[in-house]
Amino acid sequence: MTTGAAGSGGLGVGDANGLEASAELVQRADPDRFLAAMAASPSARAVLFPLYAFNVEISRAPWVTQEPLIAEMRLQWWRDALEGVYGGQPSRVLGVAAPLSGLLAGQDWARPLTEAMIDARRWDIAGEGFAEEGALWSHLDRTSGHLMWLSARLLGADAAAEPVVRDLGAAAGLAAWLRSVPDWLARGRSPLPDLSPSAVSALAGEGLEKLRKARRQRVRLRGPAGAAMLAAWRAGPTLSAARRDPETVATGLVETSEFRRRGALLLRAATGRW
């Protein structure tokens, strides 16, 4: 396994099975990140799939049950499991938790990030709206931003690359959030501080600026760490569509065809120009 901060080593049978389970979970629940990971090298996938599976598990907590207490219990399970991993006493975990445990053991720097990712999902359970735009960007940073930075650092990115990664993570997070707006509205939630067309268009424009800013500095993400950035492959088309036709965000954005999107991903993976 080729990682920067995470160290290296072979996968045991249990970890290999867990990695396969992680990949299958991501394929079912987060097809965009699955395709991004599959466009990366096998060694990068061994880092990306456990992290993406962890993100799936915590992000879907409010969607798999109508009971807030049960959703909170799902999040607490992961918090307890990771506490054991960081404390040097990992429990005997199976499935998608096993390869994640191997990645994060001894990585104390990752602890506040994974804990913040779990805590951020309590917003999804609580049902409170974002009072202002800054609160939304904060939520996106603690979810998409933290996930992308974890991925990049475990693949060898250095501290100087963090602002670039977080700008791209924010743009990718906003794009995914805008695509989810119809689902949130169907649940009676207010996913955006302001759903007026002008506000949505302006918000998408901010996301596009973060995307452009990150791409101008892509030289800081050379080598394996660039694989973590492929997760933003749909950000540009989504944000452009939202800025152009903000009225459609509430009903479902119309983007380019699936064929063209996948072709763009393969091109970015081949050239390294995420």
C-alpha atoms as a PDB file:
ATOM      1  CA  MET A   1       0.000   0.000   0.000  1.00  0.00           C
ATOM      2  CA  THR A   2       1.496   3.320  -1.015  1.00  0.00           C
ATOM      3  CA  THR A   3       0.714   6.066   1.448  1.00  0.00           C
ATOM      4  CA  GLY A   4       2.511   9.083   2.773  1.00  0.00           C
ATOM      5  CA  ALA A   5       1.553   9.423   6.406  1.00  0.00           C
ATOM      6  CA  ALA A   6      -0.019   6.035   6.765  1.00  0.00           C
ATOM      7  CA  GLY A   7       2.984   3.856   6.199  1.00  0.00           C
ATOM      8  CA  SER A   8       2.988   0.702   4.120  1.00  0.00           C
ATOM      9  CA  GLY A   9       2.382  -2.983   4.339  1.00  0.00           C
ATOM     10  CA  GLY A  10       0.455  -5.844   2.814  1.00  0.00           C
ATOM     11  CA  LEU A  11      -3.193  -6.499   3.341  1.00  0.00           C
ATOM     12  CA  GLY A  12      -4.121  -9.524   5.373  1.00  0.00           C
ATOM     13  CA  VAL A  13      -7.013 -11.744   4.372  1.00  0.00           C
ATOM     14  CA  GLY A  14      -9.396  -9.984   6.751  1.00  0.00           C
ATOM     15  CA  ASP A  15      -8.318  -6.564   5.556  1.00  0.00           C
ATOM     16  CA  ALA A  16      -8.584  -7.654   1.924  1.00  0.00           C
ATOM     17  CA  ASN A  17     -12.127  -8.859   2.545  1.00  0.00           C
ATOM     18  CA  GLY A  18     -12.888  -5.596   4.300  1.00  0.00           C
ATOM     19  CA  LEU A  19     -11.477  -3.628   1.382  1.00  0.00           C
ATOM     20  CA  GLU A  20     -13.716  -5.519  -1.019  1.00  0.00           C
ATOM     21  CA  ALA A  21     -16.705  -4.859   1.245  1.00  0.00           C
ATOM     22  CA  SER A  22     -15.759  -1.172   1.353  1.00  0.00           C
ATOM     23  CA  ALA A  23     -15.589  -0.980  -2.430  1.00  0.00           C
ATOM     24  CA  GLU A  24     -18.954  -2.697  -2.798  1.00  0.00           C
ATOM     25  CA  LEU A  25     -20.573  -0.330  -0.295  1.00  0.00           C
ATOM     26  CA  VAL A  26     -19.183   2.733  -2.060  1.00  0.00           C
ATOM     27  CA  GLN A  27     -20.293   1.395  -5.430  1.00  0.00           C
ATOM     28  CA  ARG A  28     -23.868   1.051  -4.170  1.00  0.00           C
ATOM     29  CA  ALA A  29     -24.160   4.211  -2.102  1.00  0.00           C
ATOM     30  CA  ASP A  30     -21.678   6.703  -3.598  1.00  0.00           C
ATOM     31  CA  PRO A  31     -21.192   5.838  -7.280  1.00  0.00           C
ATOM     32  CA  ASP A  32     -19.413   9.108  -8.091  1.00  0.00           C
ATOM     33  CA  ARG A  33     -16.621   8.471  -5.581  1.00  0.00           C
ATOM     34  CA  PHE A  34     -16.546   4.813  -6.608  1.00  0.00           C
ATOM     35  CA  LEU A  35     -15.794   5.783 -10.205  1.00  0.00           C
ATOM     36  CA  ALA A  36     -13.186   8.290  -9.035  1.00  0.00           C
ATOM     37  CA  ALA A  37     -11.456   5.624  -6.939  1.00  0.00           C
ATOM     38  CA  MET A  38     -11.563   3.098  -9.783  1.00  0.00           C
ATOM     39  CA  ALA A  39      -9.799   5.653 -11.983  1.00  0.00           C
ATOM     40  CA  ALA A  40      -6.923   5.702  -9.482  1.00  0.00           C
ATOM     41  CA  SER A  41      -4.132   3.161  -9.026  1.00  0.00           C
ATOM     42  CA  PRO A  42      -4.769  -0.039  -7.024  1.00  0.00           C
ATOM     43  CA  SER A  43      -2.553   1.221  -4.207  1.00  0.00           C
ATOM     44  CA  ALA A  44      -4.549   4.465  -4.014  1.00  0.00           C
ATOM     45  CA  ARG A  45      -7.808   2.512  -3.945  1.00  0.00           C
ATOM     46  CA  ALA A  46      -6.620   0.715  -0.806  1.00  0.00           C
ATOM     47  CA  VAL A  47      -6.637   4.143   0.885  1.00  0.00           C
ATOM     48  CA  LEU A  48      -9.667   5.680  -0.794  1.00  0.00           C
ATOM     49  CA  PHE A  49     -12.222   2.891  -0.460  1.00  0.00           C
ATOM     50  CA  PRO A  50     -11.995   2.545   3.360  1.00  0.00           C
ATOM     51  CA  LEU A  51     -12.304   6.317   3.770  1.00  0.00           C
ATOM     52  CA  TYR A  52     -15.170   6.589   1.314  1.00  0.00           C
ATOM     53  CA  ALA A  53     -16.971   3.677   2.967  1.00  0.00           C
ATOM     54  CA  PHE A  54     -16.599   5.362   6.368  1.00  0.00           C
ATOM     55  CA  ASN A  55     -18.083   8.518   4.869  1.00  0.00           C
ATOM     56  CA  VAL A  56     -21.012   6.522   3.460  1.00  0.00           C
ATOM     57  CA  GLU A  57     -21.708   4.928   6.840  1.00  0.00           C
ATOM     58  CA  ILE A  58     -21.850   8.190   8.759  1.00  0.00           C
ATOM     59  CA  SER A  59     -23.554  10.263   6.056  1.00  0.00           C
ATOM     60  CA  ARG A  60     -26.437   7.844   5.609  1.00  0.00           C
ATOM     61  CA  ALA A  61     -27.250   7.639   9.335  1.00  0.00           C
ATOM     62  CA  PRO A  62     -30.238  10.027   9.102  1.00  0.00           C
ATOM     63  CA  TRP A  63     -31.494   8.409   5.904  1.00  0.00           C
ATOM     64  CA  VAL A  64     -31.804   4.800   7.064  1.00  0.00           C
ATOM     65  CA  THR A  65     -34.078   5.490  10.029  1.00  0.00           C
ATOM     66  CA  GLN A  66     -36.746   7.984  11.068  1.00  0.00           C
ATOM     67  CA  GLU A  67     -35.661   7.675  14.713  1.00  0.00           C
ATOM     68  CA  PRO A  68     -33.084  10.314  15.716  1.00  0.00           C
ATOM     69  CA  LEU A  69     -31.924   8.205  18.654  1.00  0.00           C
ATOM     70  CA  ILE A  70     -31.091   5.237  16.407  1.00  0.00           C
ATOM     71  CA  ALA A  71     -29.282   7.525  13.973  1.00  0.00           C
ATOM     72  CA  GLU A  72     -27.260   8.963  16.859  1.00  0.00           C
ATOM     73  CA  MET A  73     -26.399   5.424  17.979  1.00  0.00           C
ATOM     74  CA  ARG A  74     -24.992   4.658  14.534  1.00  0.00           C
ATOM     75  CA  LEU A  75     -22.743   7.692  14.747  1.00  0.00           C
ATOM     76  CA  GLN A  76     -21.695   6.874  18.301  1.00  0.00           C
ATOM     77  CA  TRP A  77     -20.699   3.356  17.243  1.00  0.00           C
ATOM     78  CA  TRP A  78     -18.211   4.804  14.798  1.00  0.00           C
ATOM     79  CA  ARG A  79     -16.921   7.334  17.305  1.00  0.00           C
ATOM     80  CA  ASP A  80     -16.329   4.560  19.859  1.00  0.00           C
ATOM     81  CA  ALA A  81     -14.655   2.327  17.279  1.00  0.00           C
ATOM     82  CA  LEU A  82     -12.277   5.072  16.181  1.00  0.00           C
ATOM     83  CA  GLU A  83     -11.512   6.006  19.775  1.00  0.00           C
ATOM     84  CA  GLY A  84     -10.172   2.490  20.230  1.00  0.00           C
ATOM     85  CA  VAL A  85      -8.154   2.728  17.020  1.00  0.00           C
ATOM     86  CA  TYR A  86      -6.508   6.010  17.983  1.00  0.00           C
ATOM     87  CA  GLY A  87      -6.003   4.804  21.544  1.00  0.00           C
ATOM     88  CA  GLY A  88      -3.989   1.836  20.343  1.00  0.00           C
ATOM     89  CA  GLN A  89      -6.678  -0.640  21.357  1.00  0.00           C
ATOM     90  CA  PRO A  90      -8.688  -1.310  18.207  1.00  0.00           C
ATOM     91  CA  SER A  91     -11.681  -3.512  18.781  1.00  0.00           C
ATOM     92  CA  ARG A  92     -12.164  -6.584  16.635  1.00  0.00           C
ATOM     93  CA  VAL A  93     -13.997  -4.890  13.842  1.00  0.00           C
ATOM     94  CA  LEU A  94     -15.154  -6.537  10.645  1.00  0.00           C
ATOM     95  CA  GLY A  95     -16.262  -5.462   7.214  1.00  0.00           C
ATOM     96  CA  VAL A  96     -15.651  -1.871   6.177  1.00  0.00           C
ATOM     97  CA  ALA A  97     -14.263  -0.871   9.585  1.00  0.00           C
ATOM     98  CA  ALA A  98     -11.311  -3.280   9.396  1.00  0.00           C
ATOM     99  CA  PRO A  99      -9.279  -1.626   6.604  1.00  0.00           C
ATOM    100  CA  LEU A 100     -10.100   1.823   8.009  1.00  0.00           C
ATOM    101  CA  SER A 101      -8.656   0.722  11.339  1.00  0.00           C
ATOM    102  CA  GLY A 102      -5.460  -0.298   9.582  1.00  0.00           C
ATOM    103  CA  LEU A 103      -5.200   3.067   7.848  1.00  0.00           C
ATOM    104  CA  LEU A 104      -5.778   5.252  10.890  1.00  0.00           C
ATOM    105  CA  ALA A 105      -3.950   3.341  13.639  1.00  0.00           C
ATOM    106  CA  GLY A 106      -1.244   5.638  15.005  1.00  0.00           C
ATOM    107  CA  GLN A 107      -2.405   8.597  12.895  1.00  0.00           C
ATOM    108  CA  ASP A 108      -3.229  10.982  15.741  1.00  0.00           C
ATOM    109  CA  TRP A 109      -3.457  13.956  13.378  1.00  0.00           C
ATOM    110  CA  ALA A 110      -6.509  12.316  11.765  1.00  0.00           C
ATOM    111  CA  ARG A 111      -8.515  12.035  14.974  1.00  0.00           C
ATOM    112  CA  PRO A 112      -9.997  15.561  15.083  1.00  0.00           C
ATOM    113  CA  LEU A 113     -10.890  15.271  11.409  1.00  0.00           C
ATOM    114  CA  THR A 114     -12.800  11.999  11.682  1.00  0.00           C
ATOM    115  CA  GLU A 115     -14.498  13.126  14.882  1.00  0.00           C
ATOM    116  CA  ALA A 116     -15.566  16.382  13.240  1.00  0.00           C
ATOM    117  CA  MET A 117     -16.929  14.441  10.264  1.00  0.00           C
ATOM    118  CA  ILE A 118     -19.076  12.369  12.617  1.00  0.00           C
ATOM    119  CA  ASP A 119     -20.236  15.401  14.603  1.00  0.00           C
ATOM    120  CA  ALA A 120     -21.147  17.276  11.415  1.00  0.00           C
ATOM    121  CA  ARG A 121     -23.658  14.557  10.554  1.00  0.00           C
ATOM    122  CA  ARG A 122     -25.631  15.473  13.647  1.00  0.00           C
ATOM    123  CA  TRP A 123     -26.906  18.442  11.619  1.00  0.00           C
ATOM    124  CA  ASP A 124     -28.384  15.961   9.169  1.00  0.00           C
ATOM    125  CA  ILE A 125     -30.202  14.264  12.039  1.00  0.00           C
ATOM    126  CA  ALA A 126     -31.304  17.390  13.921  1.00  0.00           C
ATOM    127  CA  GLY A 127     -33.203  18.951  11.036  1.00  0.00           C
ATOM    128  CA  GLU A 128     -32.060  22.523  11.635  1.00  0.00           C
ATOM    129  CA  GLY A 129     -31.473  24.793   8.660  1.00  0.00           C
ATOM    130  CA  PHE A 130     -28.384  26.900   7.986  1.00  0.00           C
ATOM    131  CA  ALA A 131     -28.889  30.395   9.338  1.00  0.00           C
ATOM    132  CA  GLU A 132     -26.394  31.891   6.911  1.00  0.00           C
ATOM    133  CA  GLU A 133     -24.060  30.922   4.106  1.00  0.00           C
ATOM    134  CA  GLY A 134     -21.007  30.673   6.333  1.00  0.00           C
ATOM    135  CA  ALA A 135     -22.643  27.862   8.292  1.00  0.00           C
ATOM    136  CA  LEU A 136     -23.190  25.903   5.081  1.00  0.00           C
ATOM    137  CA  TRP A 137     -19.560  26.325   4.000  1.00  0.00           C
ATOM    138  CA  SER A 138     -18.432  25.209   7.457  1.00  0.00           C
ATOM    139  CA  HIS A 139     -20.570  22.082   7.163  1.00  0.00           C
ATOM    140  CA  LEU A 140     -19.144  21.327   3.723  1.00  0.00           C
ATOM    141  CA  ASP A 141     -15.590  21.763   4.996  1.00  0.00           C
ATOM    142  CA  ARG A 142     -16.156  19.392   7.930  1.00  0.00           C
ATOM    143  CA  THR A 143     -17.612  16.775   5.609  1.00  0.00           C
ATOM    144  CA  SER A 144     -16.297  16.922   2.040  1.00  0.00           C
ATOM    145  CA  GLY A 145     -13.262  19.040   2.944  1.00  0.00           C
ATOM    146  CA  HIS A 146     -12.100  16.798   5.780  1.00  0.00           C
ATOM    147  CA  LEU A 147     -12.651  13.675   3.688  1.00  0.00           C
ATOM    148  CA  MET A 148     -10.615  14.988   0.774  1.00  0.00           C
ATOM    149  CA  TRP A 149      -7.814  16.186   3.039  1.00  0.00           C
ATOM    150  CA  LEU A 150      -7.684  12.843   4.864  1.00  0.00           C
ATOM    151  CA  SER A 151      -7.492  11.085   1.509  1.00  0.00           C
ATOM    152  CA  ALA A 152      -4.803  13.379   0.107  1.00  0.00           C
ATOM    153  CA  ARG A 153      -2.625  13.323   3.210  1.00  0.00           C
ATOM    154  CA  LEU A 154      -2.772   9.542   3.529  1.00  0.00           C
ATOM    155  CA  LEU A 155      -1.682   9.411  -0.097  1.00  0.00           C
ATOM    156  CA  GLY A 156       1.338  11.588   0.587  1.00  0.00           C
ATOM    157  CA  ALA A 157       0.240  15.241   0.366  1.00  0.00           C
ATOM    158  CA  ASP A 158       2.190  17.675   2.525  1.00  0.00           C
ATOM    159  CA  ALA A 159       0.831  20.492   4.678  1.00  0.00           C
ATOM    160  CA  ALA A 160       1.401  23.107   1.966  1.00  0.00           C
ATOM    161  CA  ALA A 161      -1.233  21.415  -0.172  1.00  0.00           C
ATOM    162  CA  GLU A 162      -4.014  21.622   2.409  1.00  0.00           C
ATOM    163  CA  PRO A 163      -5.537  24.952   1.242  1.00  0.00           C
ATOM    164  CA  VAL A 164      -5.709  23.616  -2.316  1.00  0.00           C
ATOM    165  CA  VAL A 165      -7.342  20.389  -1.189  1.00  0.00           C
ATOM    166  CA  ARG A 166      -9.874  22.217   0.967  1.00  0.00           C
ATOM    167  CA  ASP A 167     -10.862  24.604  -1.824  1.00  0.00           C
ATOM    168  CA  LEU A 168     -11.488  21.648  -4.117  1.00  0.00           C
ATOM    169  CA  GLY A 169     -13.234  19.735  -1.345  1.00  0.00           C
ATOM    170  CA  ALA A 170     -15.551  22.680  -0.700  1.00  0.00           C
ATOM    171  CA  ALA A 171     -16.408  22.982  -4.396  1.00  0.00           C
ATOM    172  CA  ALA A 172     -17.059  19.243  -4.688  1.00  0.00           C
ATOM    173  CA  GLY A 173     -19.073  19.279  -1.474  1.00  0.00           C
ATOM    174  CA  LEU A 174     -21.246  22.146  -2.656  1.00  0.00           C
ATOM    175  CA  ALA A 175     -21.878  20.431  -5.994  1.00  0.00           C
ATOM    176  CA  ALA A 176     -23.004  17.230  -4.267  1.00  0.00           C
ATOM    177  CA  TRP A 177     -25.106  19.245  -1.826  1.00  0.00           C
ATOM    178  CA  LEU A 178     -26.896  21.052  -4.646  1.00  0.00           C
ATOM    179  CA  ARG A 179     -27.655  17.730  -6.323  1.00  0.00           C
ATOM    180  CA  SER A 180     -29.208  16.534  -3.061  1.00  0.00           C
ATOM    181  CA  VAL A 181     -31.497  19.556  -2.611  1.00  0.00           C
ATOM    182  CA  PRO A 182     -34.633  17.824  -4.032  1.00  0.00           C
ATOM    183  CA  ASP A 183     -34.183  14.947  -1.566  1.00  0.00           C
ATOM    184  CA  TRP A 184     -33.822  17.320   1.391  1.00  0.00           C
ATOM    185  CA  LEU A 185     -36.888  19.292   0.322  1.00  0.00           C
ATOM    186  CA  ALA A 186     -38.895  16.070   0.001  1.00  0.00           C
ATOM    187  CA  ARG A 187     -38.058  15.390   3.656  1.00  0.00           C
ATOM    188  CA  GLY A 188     -39.300  18.817   4.673  1.00  0.00           C
ATOM    189  CA  ARG A 189     -35.808  20.191   5.280  1.00  0.00           C
ATOM    190  CA  SER A 190     -34.216  23.524   4.337  1.00  0.00           C
ATOM    191  CA  PRO A 191     -30.837  22.591   2.846  1.00  0.00           C
ATOM    192  CA  LEU A 192     -29.801  26.106   1.804  1.00  0.00           C
ATOM    193  CA  PRO A 193     -29.874  29.443   3.647  1.00  0.00           C
ATOM    194  CA  ASP A 194     -31.645  31.009   0.660  1.00  0.00           C
ATOM    195  CA  LEU A 195     -33.317  29.076  -2.170  1.00  0.00           C
ATOM    196  CA  SER A 196     -34.020  32.134  -4.326  1.00  0.00           C
ATOM    197  CA  PRO A 197     -32.562  31.830  -7.845  1.00  0.00           C
ATOM    198  CA  SER A 198     -30.239  34.800  -7.371  1.00  0.00           C
ATOM    199  CA  ALA A 199     -28.831  33.404  -4.118  1.00  0.00           C
ATOM    200  CA  VAL A 200     -28.366  29.904  -5.557  1.00  0.00           C
ATOM    201  CA  SER A 201     -26.653  31.276  -8.647  1.00  0.00           C
ATOM    202  CA  ALA A 202     -24.308  33.378  -6.523  1.00  0.00           C
ATOM    203  CA  LEU A 203     -23.530  30.412  -4.277  1.00  0.00           C
ATOM    204  CA  ALA A 204     -22.697  28.241  -7.284  1.00  0.00           C
ATOM    205  CA  GLY A 205     -20.470  31.028  -8.553  1.00  0.00           C
ATOM    206  CA  GLU A 206     -18.539  30.978  -5.282  1.00  0.00           C
ATOM    207  CA  GLY A 207     -18.093  27.244  -5.669  1.00  0.00           C
ATOM    208  CA  LEU A 208     -16.773  27.679  -9.200  1.00  0.00           C
ATOM    209  CA  GLU A 209     -14.267  30.244  -7.971  1.00  0.00           C
ATOM    210  CA  LYS A 210     -12.979  27.790  -5.339  1.00  0.00           C
ATOM    211  CA  LEU A 211     -12.700  25.170  -8.067  1.00  0.00           C
ATOM    212  CA  ARG A 212     -10.725  27.495 -10.330  1.00  0.00           C
ATOM    213  CA  LYS A 213      -8.490  28.555  -7.437  1.00  0.00           C
ATOM    214  CA  ALA A 214      -7.648  24.949  -6.616  1.00  0.00           C
ATOM    215  CA  ARG A 215      -6.938  24.034 -10.230  1.00  0.00           C
ATOM    216  CA  ARG A 216      -4.591  26.988 -10.628  1.00  0.00           C
ATOM    217  CA  GLN A 217      -2.469  25.424  -7.872  1.00  0.00           C
ATOM    218  CA  ARG A 218      -2.700  21.756  -8.909  1.00  0.00           C
ATOM    219  CA  VAL A 219       1.106  21.651  -9.119  1.00  0.00           C
ATOM    220  CA  ARG A 220       1.086  21.237  -5.327  1.00  0.00           C
ATOM    221  CA  LEU A 221      -0.681  17.889  -5.668  1.00  0.00           C
ATOM    222  CA  ARG A 222       1.723  15.789  -7.687  1.00  0.00           C
ATOM    223  CA  GLY A 223       2.015  12.026  -7.513  1.00  0.00           C
ATOM    224  CA  PRO A 224      -0.341   9.623  -5.739  1.00  0.00           C
ATOM    225  CA  ALA A 225      -2.089  12.363  -3.722  1.00  0.00           C
ATOM    226  CA  GLY A 226      -3.703  13.604  -6.924  1.00  0.00           C
ATOM    227  CA  ALA A 227      -5.954  10.540  -6.847  1.00  0.00           C
ATOM    228  CA  ALA A 228      -7.814  12.041  -3.893  1.00  0.00           C
ATOM    229  CA  MET A 229      -8.742  15.039  -6.020  1.00  0.00           C
ATOM    230  CA  LEU A 230     -10.523  12.974  -8.652  1.00  0.00           C
ATOM    231  CA  ALA A 231     -13.521  12.849  -6.302  1.00  0.00           C
ATOM    232  CA  ALA A 232     -14.341  16.378  -7.508  1.00  0.00           C
ATOM    233  CA  TRP A 233     -14.865  15.196 -11.077  1.00  0.00           C
ATOM    234  CA  ARG A 234     -18.514  16.316 -11.262  1.00  0.00           C
ATOM    235  CA  ALA A 235     -18.045  19.644  -9.492  1.00  0.00           C
ATOM    236  CA  GLY A 236     -17.537  21.811 -12.563  1.00  0.00           C
ATOM    237  CA  PRO A 237     -20.573  20.656 -14.590  1.00  0.00           C
ATOM    238  CA  THR A 238     -22.855  20.695 -11.549  1.00  0.00           C
ATOM    239  CA  LEU A 239     -21.864  24.150 -10.366  1.00  0.00           C
ATOM    240  CA  SER A 240     -22.021  25.578 -13.886  1.00  0.00           C
ATOM    241  CA  ALA A 241     -25.525  24.183 -14.330  1.00  0.00           C
ATOM    242  CA  ALA A 242     -26.617  25.606 -10.977  1.00  0.00           C
ATOM    243  CA  ARG A 243     -25.252  29.046 -11.770  1.00  0.00           C
ATOM    244  CA  ARG A 244     -26.830  29.009 -15.230  1.00  0.00           C
ATOM    245  CA  ASP A 245     -30.238  27.566 -14.250  1.00  0.00           C
ATOM    246  CA  PRO A 246     -30.641  28.066 -10.487  1.00  0.00           C
ATOM    247  CA  GLU A 247     -34.381  27.416 -10.652  1.00  0.00           C
ATOM    248  CA  THR A 248     -33.719  23.745 -11.432  1.00  0.00           C
ATOM    249  CA  VAL A 249     -31.771  23.108  -8.220  1.00  0.00           C
ATOM    250  CA  ALA A 250     -34.996  22.519  -6.291  1.00  0.00           C
ATOM    251  CA  THR A 251     -36.302  20.015  -8.836  1.00  0.00           C
ATOM    252  CA  GLY A 252     -33.131  18.374 -10.112  1.00  0.00           C
ATOM    253  CA  LEU A 253     -30.228  19.814 -12.075  1.00  0.00           C
ATOM    254  CA  VAL A 254     -29.833  18.929 -15.735  1.00  0.00           C
ATOM    255  CA  GLU A 255     -26.182  18.296 -16.549  1.00  0.00           C
ATOM    256  CA  THR A 256     -24.193  16.752 -19.375  1.00  0.00           C
ATOM    257  CA  SER A 257     -24.776  13.130 -20.319  1.00  0.00           C
ATOM    258  CA  GLU A 258     -23.391  10.283 -18.214  1.00  0.00           C
ATOM    259  CA  PHE A 259     -21.185   9.245 -21.135  1.00  0.00           C
ATOM    260  CA  ARG A 260     -19.573  12.670 -21.380  1.00  0.00           C
ATOM    261  CA  ARG A 261     -19.138  12.909 -17.623  1.00  0.00           C
ATOM    262  CA  ARG A 262     -17.349   9.560 -17.419  1.00  0.00           C
ATOM    263  CA  GLY A 263     -15.200  10.453 -20.402  1.00  0.00           C
ATOM    264  CA  ALA A 264     -14.141  13.644 -18.634  1.00  0.00           C
ATOM    265  CA  LEU A 265     -13.223  11.658 -15.519  1.00  0.00           C
ATOM    266  CA  LEU A 266     -11.050   9.229 -17.488  1.00  0.00           C
ATOM    267  CA  LEU A 267      -9.315  12.131 -19.205  1.00  0.00           C
ATOM    268  CA  ARG A 268      -8.579  13.840 -15.889  1.00  0.00           C
ATOM    269  CA  ALA A 269      -7.261  10.607 -14.411  1.00  0.00           C
ATOM    270  CA  ALA A 270      -5.016   9.988 -17.424  1.00  0.00           C
ATOM    271  CA  THR A 271      -3.583  13.506 -17.542  1.00  0.00           C
ATOM    272  CA  GLY A 272      -3.539  14.272 -13.821  1.00  0.00           C
ATOM    273  CA  ARG A 273      -5.375  17.532 -14.557  1.00  0.00           C
ATOM    274  CA  TRP A 274      -8.171  17.113 -12.056  1.00  0.00           C
END
